[in-house]
Amino acid sequence: MLYNKYMANIRSSVTKTFGILTAGGDCPGLNAAIRGVCRAAHDRYGMKIVGIADGFRGLIDGNARTLKPEDFSGILTRGGTILGASREKPFKEDVGNFRLVASEKVSSIKKTYAELGLDGLVLLGGNGTNTTGFRLAQEGLNIIGLPKTIDNDIVGTDRTFGFHSALSIGTEAIDRLHSTAQSHSRIIVIELMGHKAGWLALYAGVAGGGDVILIPEIPYRIDSIARH
């Protein structure tokens, strides 16, 4: 009863508005994360939710819309992202005469943020997205970063969402190649994603029974691998 009264007091206060976007590459769990954030914000706190289209590009162009419960209902198991994404990097200069320079992009983002009446911005992204979020926070915006990347390379985060799904796929691929390598007397080299981090290669290699696992964090000599 006390909890319900406390929640009612929160909902009766000034309505807060936040924007949410997905940026960078594809990753399992994007829609599930969007749903989780939006449901809690709407159902428990009565917040207004603004969906930003196509990552930071949507903030630059002012491409946004209010999200209602029917927009984020039934998307738990759907792949991709209902918001769309892009690899737009607002603090990086573009090559070409017809694109905005970085300072203009950041100014456009701050203008859109103000025009939408946002109290904060939720960013679903990896290393680059969260770095951009940090720089936007330095520009005065309220930022919450959610670590999504199959690379598992966000500082201060034990597990990023998307990593376990990619790990299971990688492990399954290695398992299937064992019989081919053995029956045909071949050495098979499997390259996994991971950017500059070796988490995915290490975990999948161990789980899949790889004979040699090479990761960026540990130096290696190719001749010792050849002898093995």
Protein backbone atom coordinates (compact mmCIF):
# COMPACT_ATOMS: atom_id res chain seq x y z
CA MET A 1 0.00 0.00 0.00
CA LEU A 2 2.82 2.36 0.90
CA TYR A 3 4.55 1.41 -2.33
CA ASN A 4 1.45 2.25 -4.40
CA LYS A 5 1.09 5.59 -2.62
CA TYR A 6 4.77 6.36 -3.26
CA MET A 7 4.42 5.49 -6.94
CA ALA A 8 1.30 7.64 -7.22
CA ASN A 9 3.24 10.59 -5.84
CA ILE A 10 5.94 10.08 -8.45
CA ARG A 11 3.40 9.87 -11.30
CA SER A 12 1.59 12.98 -10.09
CA SER A 13 4.76 15.07 -10.19
CA VAL A 14 5.99 16.85 -13.31
CA THR A 15 6.07 14.38 -16.21
CA LYS A 16 9.57 13.61 -17.36
CA THR A 17 10.44 13.07 -21.02
CA PHE A 18 13.35 11.05 -22.33
CA GLY A 19 14.59 10.07 -25.75
CA ILE A 20 15.88 6.63 -26.68
CA LEU A 21 17.98 5.56 -29.67
CA THR A 22 20.01 2.64 -30.99
CA ALA A 23 23.32 3.27 -32.74
CA GLY A 24 26.17 1.31 -34.29
CA GLY A 25 26.05 -2.24 -35.60
CA ASP A 26 23.40 -4.92 -35.22
CA CYS A 27 23.22 -6.87 -32.00
CA PRO A 28 20.85 -9.43 -30.43
CA GLY A 29 18.53 -8.05 -27.77
CA LEU A 30 18.04 -4.49 -29.01
CA ASN A 31 14.25 -4.63 -29.08
CA ALA A 32 14.17 -6.50 -25.77
CA ALA A 33 16.20 -3.70 -24.17
CA ILE A 34 14.00 -1.01 -25.74
CA ARG A 35 10.91 -2.78 -24.43
CA GLY A 36 12.35 -3.15 -20.92
CA VAL A 37 13.31 0.51 -20.62
CA CYS A 38 10.09 1.83 -22.12
CA ARG A 39 7.75 -0.40 -20.14
CA ALA A 40 9.33 0.51 -16.82
CA ALA A 41 9.39 4.21 -17.68
CA HIS A 42 5.77 4.24 -18.84
CA ASP A 43 4.10 1.79 -16.45
CA ARG A 44 5.93 2.61 -13.24
CA TYR A 45 6.85 6.27 -13.62
CA GLY A 46 4.41 7.67 -16.18
CA MET A 47 7.19 9.12 -18.30
CA LYS A 48 6.85 10.35 -21.86
CA ILE A 49 9.02 8.40 -24.31
CA VAL A 50 10.44 9.80 -27.54
CA GLY A 51 11.92 7.32 -30.02
CA ILE A 52 14.81 8.71 -32.07
CA ALA A 53 15.09 7.20 -35.56
CA ASP A 54 18.37 5.95 -37.05
CA GLY A 55 20.70 6.64 -34.17
CA PHE A 56 22.44 10.00 -33.86
CA ARG A 57 21.38 10.84 -37.40
CA GLY A 58 17.81 11.12 -36.13
CA LEU A 59 18.93 13.58 -33.48
CA ILE A 60 20.76 15.67 -36.07
CA ASP A 61 17.78 15.69 -38.47
CA GLY A 62 15.08 15.94 -35.79
CA ASN A 63 13.56 12.61 -36.85
CA ALA A 64 11.66 11.45 -33.76
CA ARG A 65 8.22 10.35 -32.58
CA THR A 66 6.41 9.68 -29.32
CA LEU A 67 6.36 6.00 -28.41
CA LYS A 68 3.17 4.57 -26.94
CA PRO A 69 2.70 1.14 -25.30
CA GLU A 70 1.46 -0.39 -28.55
CA ASP A 71 4.75 0.63 -30.20
CA PHE A 72 6.93 -1.39 -27.83
CA SER A 73 4.51 -4.24 -27.17
CA GLY A 74 5.20 -7.63 -28.76
CA ILE A 75 8.79 -6.82 -29.78
CA LEU A 76 10.56 -8.95 -27.17
CA THR A 77 11.68 -11.66 -29.61
CA ARG A 78 11.81 -9.57 -32.76
CA GLY A 79 15.25 -9.13 -34.32
CA GLY A 80 16.82 -5.81 -35.26
CA THR A 81 15.57 -2.56 -33.75
CA ILE A 82 12.22 -0.82 -34.15
CA LEU A 83 14.03 2.53 -33.97
CA GLY A 84 16.52 1.88 -36.76
CA ALA A 85 20.23 2.53 -36.40
CA SER A 86 23.18 4.16 -38.14
CA ARG A 87 26.91 4.57 -37.68
CA GLU A 88 26.68 8.36 -37.60
CA LYS A 89 29.50 9.83 -35.50
CA PRO A 90 28.54 13.45 -34.71
CA PHE A 91 31.95 14.41 -33.33
CA LYS A 92 33.80 13.16 -36.42
CA GLU A 93 34.23 15.33 -39.51
CA ASP A 94 32.72 13.99 -42.73
CA VAL A 95 34.54 13.93 -46.05
CA GLY A 96 32.71 15.91 -48.71
CA ASN A 97 31.38 19.40 -49.30
CA PHE A 98 27.71 18.70 -48.73
CA ARG A 99 27.81 17.23 -45.22
CA LEU A 100 27.63 19.00 -41.90
CA VAL A 101 30.87 19.51 -40.01
CA ALA A 102 31.12 18.08 -36.50
CA SER A 103 30.38 21.34 -34.68
CA GLU A 104 27.18 21.80 -36.71
CA LYS A 105 26.08 18.23 -35.98
CA VAL A 106 26.54 18.69 -32.24
CA SER A 107 24.67 21.99 -32.37
CA SER A 108 21.81 20.28 -34.24
CA ILE A 109 21.69 17.51 -31.63
CA LYS A 110 21.50 20.03 -28.78
CA LYS A 111 18.79 21.95 -30.62
CA THR A 112 16.71 18.80 -31.20
CA TYR A 113 17.20 17.78 -27.57
CA ALA A 114 15.81 21.15 -26.44
CA GLU A 115 12.95 21.27 -28.96
CA LEU A 116 11.76 17.80 -27.94
CA GLY A 117 11.82 18.87 -24.30
CA LEU A 118 14.01 15.95 -23.28
CA ASP A 119 15.10 15.54 -19.67
CA GLY A 120 17.51 12.80 -20.68
CA LEU A 121 18.65 10.52 -23.47
CA VAL A 122 19.09 6.73 -23.37
CA LEU A 123 21.72 5.40 -25.78
CA LEU A 124 21.85 1.72 -26.75
CA GLY A 125 25.24 1.15 -28.29
CA GLY A 126 28.79 -0.07 -28.06
CA ASN A 127 32.16 1.57 -27.58
CA GLY A 128 31.69 4.38 -30.09
CA THR A 129 28.12 5.12 -29.03
CA ASN A 130 29.00 5.38 -25.35
CA THR A 131 32.04 7.51 -26.14
CA THR A 132 29.76 9.87 -28.07
CA GLY A 133 27.37 9.80 -25.12
CA PHE A 134 30.17 10.84 -22.79
CA ARG A 135 31.05 13.76 -25.02
CA LEU A 136 27.40 14.80 -25.27
CA ALA A 137 27.23 14.73 -21.47
CA GLN A 138 30.17 17.15 -21.47
CA GLU A 139 28.04 19.36 -23.72
CA GLY A 140 25.37 19.49 -21.01
CA LEU A 141 22.98 16.69 -22.04
CA ASN A 142 21.74 14.10 -19.53
CA ILE A 143 22.88 10.72 -20.85
CA ILE A 144 22.30 7.09 -19.85
CA GLY A 145 24.36 4.55 -21.79
CA LEU A 146 23.29 0.91 -22.21
CA PRO A 147 26.20 -1.36 -23.22
CA LYS A 148 25.17 -3.37 -26.28
CA THR A 149 27.91 -5.06 -28.25
CA ILE A 150 28.84 -8.63 -29.13
CA ASP A 151 32.49 -7.64 -28.52
CA ASN A 152 31.97 -7.31 -24.73
CA ASP A 153 34.46 -4.42 -24.70
CA ILE A 154 32.73 -1.71 -22.66
CA VAL A 155 34.82 -0.54 -19.71
CA GLY A 156 33.26 -1.26 -16.32
CA THR A 157 30.76 -3.80 -17.71
CA ASP A 158 31.14 -7.53 -17.03
CA ARG A 159 28.74 -8.66 -19.76
CA THR A 160 27.30 -6.58 -22.57
CA PHE A 161 24.00 -7.74 -24.02
CA GLY A 162 24.50 -9.44 -27.37
CA PHE A 163 27.71 -11.18 -26.28
CA HIS A 164 26.16 -14.47 -25.13
CA SER A 165 24.10 -14.87 -28.30
CA ALA A 166 27.16 -14.30 -30.48
CA LEU A 167 29.14 -16.70 -28.29
CA SER A 168 26.63 -19.52 -28.78
CA ILE A 169 26.67 -19.01 -32.56
CA GLY A 170 30.48 -18.96 -32.66
CA THR A 171 30.76 -22.08 -30.49
CA GLU A 172 28.27 -23.95 -32.67
CA ALA A 173 30.24 -23.03 -35.82
CA ILE A 174 33.48 -24.36 -34.31
CA ASP A 175 31.75 -27.56 -33.19
CA ARG A 176 30.50 -28.23 -36.72
CA LEU A 177 33.95 -27.75 -38.25
CA HIS A 178 35.70 -30.31 -36.03
CA SER A 179 34.50 -33.33 -38.03
CA THR A 180 35.42 -31.69 -41.35
CA ALA A 181 38.93 -30.86 -40.15
CA GLN A 182 39.50 -34.37 -38.80
CA SER A 183 38.07 -36.35 -41.72
CA HIS A 184 39.92 -34.32 -44.35
CA SER A 185 43.14 -33.83 -42.36
CA ARG A 186 42.90 -30.07 -42.57
CA ILE A 187 43.73 -27.14 -40.39
CA ILE A 188 40.79 -24.75 -40.27
CA VAL A 189 41.29 -21.13 -39.26
CA ILE A 190 38.18 -19.49 -37.84
CA GLU A 191 38.02 -15.71 -37.59
CA LEU A 192 35.53 -14.23 -35.15
CA MET A 193 34.43 -10.65 -34.59
CA GLY A 194 35.53 -8.74 -31.52
CA HIS A 195 37.00 -5.43 -32.70
CA LYS A 196 40.11 -4.96 -30.52
CA ALA A 197 38.99 -7.36 -27.79
CA GLY A 198 39.44 -11.13 -27.66
CA TRP A 199 36.53 -12.09 -25.44
CA LEU A 200 34.41 -13.68 -28.17
CA ALA A 201 37.32 -15.62 -29.71
CA LEU A 202 38.52 -16.78 -26.29
CA TYR A 203 35.15 -17.97 -24.98
CA ALA A 204 34.06 -19.59 -28.25
CA GLY A 205 37.49 -21.17 -28.72
CA VAL A 206 37.49 -22.71 -25.27
CA ALA A 207 33.84 -23.84 -25.50
CA GLY A 208 34.31 -25.22 -29.01
CA GLY A 209 37.58 -27.00 -28.24
CA GLY A 210 39.91 -24.97 -30.42
CA ASP A 211 43.53 -26.19 -30.52
CA VAL A 212 44.96 -22.68 -30.73
CA ILE A 213 43.26 -19.43 -29.72
CA LEU A 214 44.77 -16.11 -30.77
CA ILE A 215 43.54 -12.91 -29.15
CA PRO A 216 44.83 -9.31 -29.31
CA GLU A 217 45.56 -9.15 -25.58
CA ILE A 218 48.19 -11.91 -25.65
CA PRO A 219 51.25 -11.64 -27.98
CA TYR A 220 52.03 -14.75 -30.01
CA ARG A 221 54.68 -16.06 -32.43
CA ILE A 222 53.47 -17.62 -35.66
CA ASP A 223 56.37 -20.12 -35.73
CA SER A 224 55.36 -21.60 -32.38
CA ILE A 225 51.84 -22.04 -33.69
CA ALA A 226 53.20 -23.72 -36.82
CA ARG A 227 55.22 -26.17 -34.69
CA HIS A 228 52.13 -26.99 -32.63
